[in-house]
């Protein structure tokens, strides 16, 4: 079994519930994750997406860290091409100064979802190609080795230990390996692809001051319930939202599972919807435990990052409670560094 389990919450909005409620629900879920013994709680960055409220991950991470006690808090991730590395370093420096020893810096290379969003951000798709260069600059701001602007310092970040992680979309795994950083690889629907990315990352990894050895986080949707059918219901709202986004061009708020199940769909929508349900880890505690053992064997992952979203918050919390039980998480106790380096 994978020895550490964490949560990434995307602050999904729900039909009939305003976006501010989604942000408060993220904070409440973080409190529950803290009680249940999860290792990390991360939040995401999305701009102008109707179904996602989390547009400012470092701000939301501050609220999560203030509301929790021991769990590590971070981003999955800050999309570095959208920002100046100095500003990102300063933001994480403030977080680490306020919540020492609990902050993670998860970084991705995506830019805005649409052309309009990219124009509003002053970015274009080519900016993603500069991610490796921006990542190196960001790390130099934090460790104090940047020389391009000798009169400038990233305060209070400079000299602090803020563990960086690279989200492996596209070339991300190779970039993480070359930089000597922990990597986050997903999603578990394509497990052969994930296993291959992990293999290449380990082969190409170069030790660095940030990590002496490879560290692999695999991410994906996991739903646990009393019955297989109840676990499948948890997946329905997100699968429908994904199908809708690919047929209508807009990622909508989540709808209740019973409404989704009753919807008439076009053949294309039905195909995308069924595809959105396939391949996730979902079922009873026994079924999920067996599936996770298979993932551990195939990837040798150090950590699992669970990305499940659904309309029914009670079912979601029950799923995370059951997952904590089957993975042997231990509630309570102070935060403490894990073997392999600070923050991991």
Protein backbone atom coordinates (compact mmCIF):
# COMPACT_ATOMS: atom_id res chain seq x y z
CA UNK A 1 0.00 0.00 0.00
CA UNK A 2 1.19 3.54 -0.74
CA UNK A 3 2.42 4.92 2.57
CA UNK A 4 1.25 8.54 2.28
CA UNK A 5 -2.15 9.76 1.07
CA UNK A 6 -3.06 13.37 0.32
CA UNK A 7 -5.92 15.39 -1.18
CA UNK A 8 -6.13 17.93 -4.00
CA UNK A 9 -9.38 19.89 -3.90
CA UNK A 10 -10.31 22.02 -6.93
CA UNK A 11 -13.07 24.03 -5.19
CA UNK A 12 -15.69 22.75 -7.63
CA UNK A 13 -18.87 24.76 -7.67
CA UNK A 14 -22.24 23.03 -7.39
CA UNK A 15 -25.47 23.88 -9.15
CA UNK A 16 -27.58 26.03 -6.83
CA UNK A 17 -24.63 26.96 -4.62
CA UNK A 18 -22.58 30.15 -5.14
CA UNK A 19 -18.83 30.12 -5.72
CA UNK A 20 -18.00 31.56 -2.26
CA UNK A 21 -19.65 28.47 -0.75
CA UNK A 22 -17.29 26.25 -2.74
CA UNK A 23 -14.29 28.00 -1.21
CA UNK A 24 -15.67 27.60 2.30
CA UNK A 25 -16.33 23.92 1.55
CA UNK A 26 -12.68 23.54 0.55
CA UNK A 27 -11.61 24.89 3.93
CA UNK A 28 -14.04 22.57 5.73
CA UNK A 29 -12.78 19.57 3.78
CA UNK A 30 -9.23 20.52 4.75
CA UNK A 31 -10.24 20.51 8.42
CA UNK A 32 -11.66 17.00 7.97
CA UNK A 33 -8.53 15.84 6.14
CA UNK A 34 -6.43 17.18 9.00
CA UNK A 35 -8.48 15.20 11.53
CA UNK A 36 -8.37 12.03 9.43
CA UNK A 37 -4.58 11.99 9.14
CA UNK A 38 -4.05 12.91 5.47
CA UNK A 39 -0.51 14.03 4.70
CA UNK A 40 -1.17 17.07 2.49
CA UNK A 41 -4.06 19.22 1.34
CA UNK A 42 -3.52 21.08 -1.94
CA UNK A 43 -5.63 23.59 -3.87
CA UNK A 44 -5.61 24.43 -7.58
CA UNK A 45 -5.47 27.39 -9.97
CA UNK A 46 -8.18 27.98 -12.58
CA UNK A 47 -9.15 31.27 -14.22
CA UNK A 48 -12.65 32.15 -15.50
CA UNK A 49 -13.94 28.58 -15.30
CA UNK A 50 -17.65 28.55 -14.32
CA UNK A 51 -17.31 25.25 -12.45
CA UNK A 52 -14.24 26.12 -10.37
CA UNK A 53 -14.01 28.81 -7.67
CA UNK A 54 -10.29 28.48 -6.91
CA UNK A 55 -8.57 31.21 -8.94
CA UNK A 56 -5.97 32.33 -6.37
CA UNK A 57 -4.33 29.21 -4.88
CA UNK A 58 -1.83 30.90 -2.56
CA UNK A 59 -4.63 32.99 -1.02
CA UNK A 60 -6.78 29.89 -0.54
CA UNK A 61 -3.81 27.94 0.82
CA UNK A 62 -3.39 30.61 3.50
CA UNK A 63 -7.02 30.15 4.56
CA UNK A 64 -6.58 26.37 4.63
CA UNK A 65 -3.37 26.55 6.65
CA UNK A 66 -4.96 28.93 9.16
CA UNK A 67 -7.92 26.56 9.63
CA UNK A 68 -5.84 23.39 10.13
CA UNK A 69 -3.30 22.17 12.65
CA UNK A 70 -0.84 19.56 11.36
CA UNK A 71 -1.53 18.77 7.70
CA UNK A 72 0.83 20.10 5.06
CA UNK A 73 -0.77 22.70 2.77
CA UNK A 74 0.12 23.68 -0.77
CA UNK A 75 -0.85 24.06 -4.39
CA UNK A 76 -1.54 21.59 -7.11
CA UNK A 77 -0.50 23.80 -8.59
CA UNK A 78 0.41 27.38 -9.19
CA UNK A 79 0.64 27.63 -12.99
CA UNK A 80 4.03 29.24 -13.30
CA UNK A 81 3.67 30.52 -16.89
CA UNK A 82 0.85 32.79 -15.65
CA UNK A 83 3.10 34.57 -13.13
CA UNK A 84 6.45 36.24 -12.57
CA UNK A 85 8.73 33.85 -10.64
CA UNK A 86 9.71 36.61 -8.17
CA UNK A 87 6.07 37.14 -7.19
CA UNK A 88 5.50 33.40 -6.78
CA UNK A 89 8.59 33.18 -4.55
CA UNK A 90 7.33 36.08 -2.43
CA UNK A 91 3.87 34.53 -2.04
CA UNK A 92 5.22 31.18 -0.90
CA UNK A 93 7.71 32.93 1.32
CA UNK A 94 4.87 34.66 3.13
CA UNK A 95 3.02 31.34 3.49
CA UNK A 96 6.08 29.57 4.88
CA UNK A 97 6.82 32.45 7.23
CA UNK A 98 3.27 32.30 8.60
CA UNK A 99 3.02 28.48 8.73
CA UNK A 100 6.60 27.22 9.07
CA UNK A 101 7.27 23.64 8.07
CA UNK A 102 3.81 23.07 6.56
CA UNK A 103 3.91 24.65 3.09
CA UNK A 104 4.40 22.89 -0.27
CA UNK A 105 4.96 24.61 -3.61
CA UNK A 106 3.31 22.54 -6.34
CA UNK A 107 3.98 24.03 -9.79
CA UNK A 108 2.41 23.41 -13.20
CA UNK A 109 3.09 24.55 -16.75
CA UNK A 110 -0.44 25.16 -18.06
CA UNK A 111 -1.65 28.52 -19.28
CA UNK A 112 -5.23 29.84 -19.49
CA UNK A 113 -7.98 27.48 -20.66
CA UNK A 114 -9.14 29.66 -23.60
CA UNK A 115 -7.68 32.32 -25.84
CA UNK A 116 -9.70 35.00 -24.07
CA UNK A 117 -8.35 34.01 -20.66
CA UNK A 118 -4.79 33.91 -21.98
CA UNK A 119 -5.17 37.38 -23.46
CA UNK A 120 -6.59 38.69 -20.18
CA UNK A 121 -3.58 37.22 -18.34
CA UNK A 122 -1.17 38.64 -20.91
CA UNK A 123 0.02 35.15 -21.84
CA UNK A 124 -0.15 32.77 -24.79
CA UNK A 125 0.40 29.06 -25.33
CA UNK A 126 4.10 29.59 -26.07
CA UNK A 127 4.66 30.71 -22.48
CA UNK A 128 4.25 27.10 -21.36
CA UNK A 129 7.45 26.30 -23.25
CA UNK A 130 9.38 28.55 -20.85
CA UNK A 131 8.35 26.58 -17.77
CA UNK A 132 11.71 24.91 -17.20
CA UNK A 133 13.49 28.27 -17.41
CA UNK A 134 10.94 29.90 -15.08
CA UNK A 135 11.22 27.02 -12.62
CA UNK A 136 14.99 27.43 -12.41
CA UNK A 137 14.56 31.17 -11.86
CA UNK A 138 11.99 30.61 -9.12
CA UNK A 139 14.26 28.21 -7.25
CA UNK A 140 17.13 30.70 -7.48
CA UNK A 141 14.94 33.41 -5.92
CA UNK A 142 14.24 31.06 -3.01
CA UNK A 143 17.75 29.76 -2.40
CA UNK A 144 19.34 33.19 -2.92
CA UNK A 145 21.50 32.25 -5.90
CA UNK A 146 19.88 34.45 -8.56
CA UNK A 147 22.30 36.99 -10.06
CA UNK A 148 20.27 38.58 -12.85
CA UNK A 149 18.99 41.24 -10.43
CA UNK A 150 21.67 41.55 -7.73
CA UNK A 151 19.90 44.39 -5.96
CA UNK A 152 16.61 42.43 -5.64
CA UNK A 153 15.72 39.77 -3.05
CA UNK A 154 12.61 37.62 -2.69
CA UNK A 155 11.68 38.50 0.86
CA UNK A 156 10.75 36.68 3.03
CA UNK A 157 11.28 33.60 0.82
CA UNK A 158 15.04 33.80 0.38
CA UNK A 159 16.74 31.16 2.47
CA UNK A 160 13.53 29.39 3.54
CA UNK A 161 12.96 25.71 2.83
CA UNK A 162 9.80 25.48 0.70
CA UNK A 163 9.56 22.04 -0.96
CA UNK A 164 8.82 22.33 -4.71
CA UNK A 165 6.90 19.72 -6.72
CA UNK A 166 6.39 19.56 -10.50
CA UNK A 167 3.02 18.55 -11.94
CA UNK A 168 3.85 16.18 -14.79
CA UNK A 169 1.72 17.19 -17.74
CA UNK A 170 3.46 16.63 -21.08
CA UNK A 171 7.18 17.19 -20.50
CA UNK A 172 6.73 17.79 -16.77
CA UNK A 173 8.27 14.48 -15.66
CA UNK A 174 11.44 15.11 -17.59
CA UNK A 175 11.68 18.65 -16.28
CA UNK A 176 11.24 17.40 -12.71
CA UNK A 177 13.94 14.77 -13.22
CA UNK A 178 16.43 17.25 -14.65
CA UNK A 179 15.75 19.71 -11.84
CA UNK A 180 15.99 17.02 -9.17
CA UNK A 181 12.49 17.68 -7.83
CA UNK A 182 9.58 15.51 -6.64
CA UNK A 183 7.03 14.83 -9.37
CA UNK A 184 3.23 14.52 -9.39
CA UNK A 185 1.99 12.19 -12.15
CA UNK A 186 -1.63 11.58 -13.13
CA UNK A 187 -4.16 10.45 -13.84
CA UNK A 188 -4.76 6.87 -12.79
CA UNK A 189 -7.14 6.14 -15.68
CA UNK A 190 -4.06 5.72 -17.87
CA UNK A 191 -2.08 3.53 -15.48
CA UNK A 192 0.30 2.12 -18.08
CA UNK A 193 1.15 5.67 -19.18
CA UNK A 194 1.62 6.73 -15.55
CA UNK A 195 3.91 3.78 -14.88
CA UNK A 196 6.01 4.62 -17.94
CA UNK A 197 6.32 8.29 -16.93
CA UNK A 198 7.41 7.22 -13.45
CA UNK A 199 9.99 4.83 -14.88
CA UNK A 200 11.50 7.51 -17.10
CA UNK A 201 11.50 10.04 -14.26
CA UNK A 202 13.44 7.68 -12.01
CA UNK A 203 15.91 6.83 -14.76
CA UNK A 204 16.59 10.49 -15.60
CA UNK A 205 16.53 11.90 -12.08
CA UNK A 206 19.50 14.05 -11.05
CA UNK A 207 19.98 14.61 -7.32
CA UNK A 208 19.71 18.25 -6.25
CA UNK A 209 19.76 20.31 -3.06
CA UNK A 210 15.96 19.94 -3.08
CA UNK A 211 15.82 16.15 -3.27
CA UNK A 212 18.57 13.55 -2.99
CA UNK A 213 16.46 10.83 -4.61
CA UNK A 214 13.34 10.53 -6.78
CA UNK A 215 9.99 11.14 -5.09
CA UNK A 216 6.82 10.11 -6.92
CA UNK A 217 3.26 11.25 -6.20
CA UNK A 218 0.57 9.58 -8.33
CA UNK A 219 -2.75 11.36 -8.58
CA UNK A 220 -6.26 10.45 -9.58
CA UNK A 221 -9.89 9.99 -8.61
CA UNK A 222 -10.68 7.52 -5.84
CA UNK A 223 -14.24 6.91 -4.62
CA UNK A 224 -15.07 4.57 -1.72
CA UNK A 225 -18.55 3.71 -0.49
CA UNK A 226 -20.55 0.95 1.18
CA UNK A 227 -21.47 -0.51 -2.22
CA UNK A 228 -19.98 -0.46 -5.70
CA UNK A 229 -23.05 1.39 -7.03
CA UNK A 230 -22.80 4.09 -4.36
CA UNK A 231 -19.15 4.62 -5.23
CA UNK A 232 -20.06 4.93 -8.91
CA UNK A 233 -22.66 7.60 -8.07
CA UNK A 234 -19.87 9.73 -6.60
CA UNK A 235 -18.27 9.82 -10.06
CA UNK A 236 -21.36 10.83 -12.07
CA UNK A 237 -21.36 14.65 -11.57
CA UNK A 238 -17.73 15.10 -12.61
CA UNK A 239 -18.08 12.77 -15.60
CA UNK A 240 -21.06 14.77 -16.83
CA UNK A 241 -19.27 18.09 -16.35
CA UNK A 242 -16.33 16.78 -18.37
CA UNK A 243 -18.61 15.59 -21.18
CA UNK A 244 -20.40 18.94 -21.16
CA UNK A 245 -17.14 20.87 -21.35
CA UNK A 246 -16.01 18.90 -24.38
CA UNK A 247 -19.29 19.30 -26.24
CA UNK A 248 -20.34 22.81 -25.18
CA UNK A 249 -16.95 24.43 -24.50
CA UNK A 250 -17.70 25.36 -20.89
CA UNK A 251 -16.94 23.45 -17.70
CA UNK A 252 -20.18 23.70 -15.69
CA UNK A 253 -21.00 23.49 -11.98
CA UNK A 254 -21.65 19.97 -10.69
CA UNK A 255 -25.19 18.59 -10.76
CA UNK A 256 -26.63 15.98 -8.36
CA UNK A 257 -25.94 12.39 -9.38
CA UNK A 258 -29.61 11.48 -9.62
CA UNK A 259 -30.19 14.34 -12.09
CA UNK A 260 -27.19 13.34 -14.17
CA UNK A 261 -28.35 9.72 -14.32
CA UNK A 262 -31.75 10.84 -15.69
CA UNK A 263 -30.39 13.15 -18.39
CA UNK A 264 -30.96 12.57 -22.08
CA UNK A 265 -27.60 12.70 -23.86
CA UNK A 266 -26.52 12.91 -27.47
CA UNK A 267 -24.43 9.99 -28.72
CA UNK A 268 -21.28 12.12 -28.43
CA UNK A 269 -22.15 13.26 -24.91
CA UNK A 270 -22.88 9.67 -23.89
CA UNK A 271 -19.55 8.51 -25.29
CA UNK A 272 -17.64 11.22 -23.41
CA UNK A 273 -19.65 10.65 -20.25
CA UNK A 274 -18.98 6.91 -20.21
CA UNK A 275 -15.33 7.62 -20.93
CA UNK A 276 -15.27 10.00 -17.98
CA UNK A 277 -16.51 7.21 -15.71
CA UNK A 278 -14.04 4.60 -16.90
CA UNK A 279 -10.74 3.72 -15.27
CA UNK A 280 -11.07 5.45 -11.92
CA UNK A 281 -10.55 3.62 -8.65
CA UNK A 282 -14.04 3.22 -7.23
CA UNK A 283 -15.85 0.62 -5.17
CA UNK A 284 -16.13 -0.86 -1.72
CA UNK A 285 -13.29 -0.65 0.77
CA UNK A 286 -12.07 -4.11 -0.21
CA UNK A 287 -12.18 -3.32 -3.93
CA UNK A 288 -10.38 -0.01 -3.54
CA UNK A 289 -7.73 -1.51 -1.28
CA UNK A 290 -6.97 -4.13 -3.92
CA UNK A 291 -6.84 -1.54 -6.70
CA UNK A 292 -4.49 0.70 -4.72
CA UNK A 293 -2.21 -2.25 -4.03
CA UNK A 294 -2.03 -2.73 -7.78
CA UNK A 295 -1.12 0.92 -8.34
CA UNK A 296 1.57 0.69 -5.68
CA UNK A 297 3.02 -2.40 -7.31
CA UNK A 298 2.99 -0.89 -10.81
CA UNK A 299 4.45 2.50 -9.90
CA UNK A 300 6.29 2.15 -6.59
CA UNK A 301 4.77 5.53 -5.75
CA UNK A 302 5.75 7.25 -2.53
CA UNK A 303 2.42 9.04 -2.22
CA UNK A 304 -1.15 9.09 -3.54
CA UNK A 305 -2.84 12.44 -4.27
CA UNK A 306 -6.63 12.02 -4.46
CA UNK A 307 -8.48 14.45 -6.73
CA UNK A 308 -12.12 13.36 -6.28
CA UNK A 309 -14.91 15.92 -6.69
CA UNK A 310 -18.66 15.36 -6.49
CA UNK A 311 -21.93 17.16 -5.77
CA UNK A 312 -22.82 15.26 -2.58
CA UNK A 313 -20.51 16.58 0.13
CA UNK A 314 -21.67 13.96 2.63
CA UNK A 315 -20.78 11.16 0.23
CA UNK A 316 -17.42 12.83 -0.49
CA UNK A 317 -16.51 13.06 3.19
CA UNK A 318 -17.61 9.46 3.74
CA UNK A 319 -15.38 8.40 0.85
CA UNK A 320 -12.36 10.17 2.31
CA UNK A 321 -13.12 8.70 5.74
CA UNK A 322 -13.25 5.17 4.33
CA UNK A 323 -10.08 5.78 2.31
CA UNK A 324 -8.27 6.95 5.45
CA UNK A 325 -9.31 3.73 7.16
CA UNK A 326 -8.20 1.33 4.42
CA UNK A 327 -4.86 3.11 3.90
CA UNK A 328 -4.11 3.10 7.62
CA UNK A 329 -3.92 6.85 8.16
CA UNK A 330 -3.51 7.89 11.79
CA UNK A 331 -5.54 10.84 13.09
CA UNK A 332 -3.98 13.49 15.35
CA UNK A 333 -0.31 13.94 16.21
CA UNK A 334 1.93 16.86 15.29
CA UNK A 335 3.29 17.36 11.79
CA UNK A 336 6.75 15.94 11.34
CA UNK A 337 9.12 15.66 8.37
CA UNK A 338 9.06 12.36 6.56
CA UNK A 339 12.20 10.38 5.65
CA UNK A 340 13.84 11.51 2.42
CA UNK A 341 14.10 15.25 2.97
CA UNK A 342 12.35 18.22 4.53
CA UNK A 343 8.68 18.44 3.73
CA UNK A 344 8.34 15.17 1.82
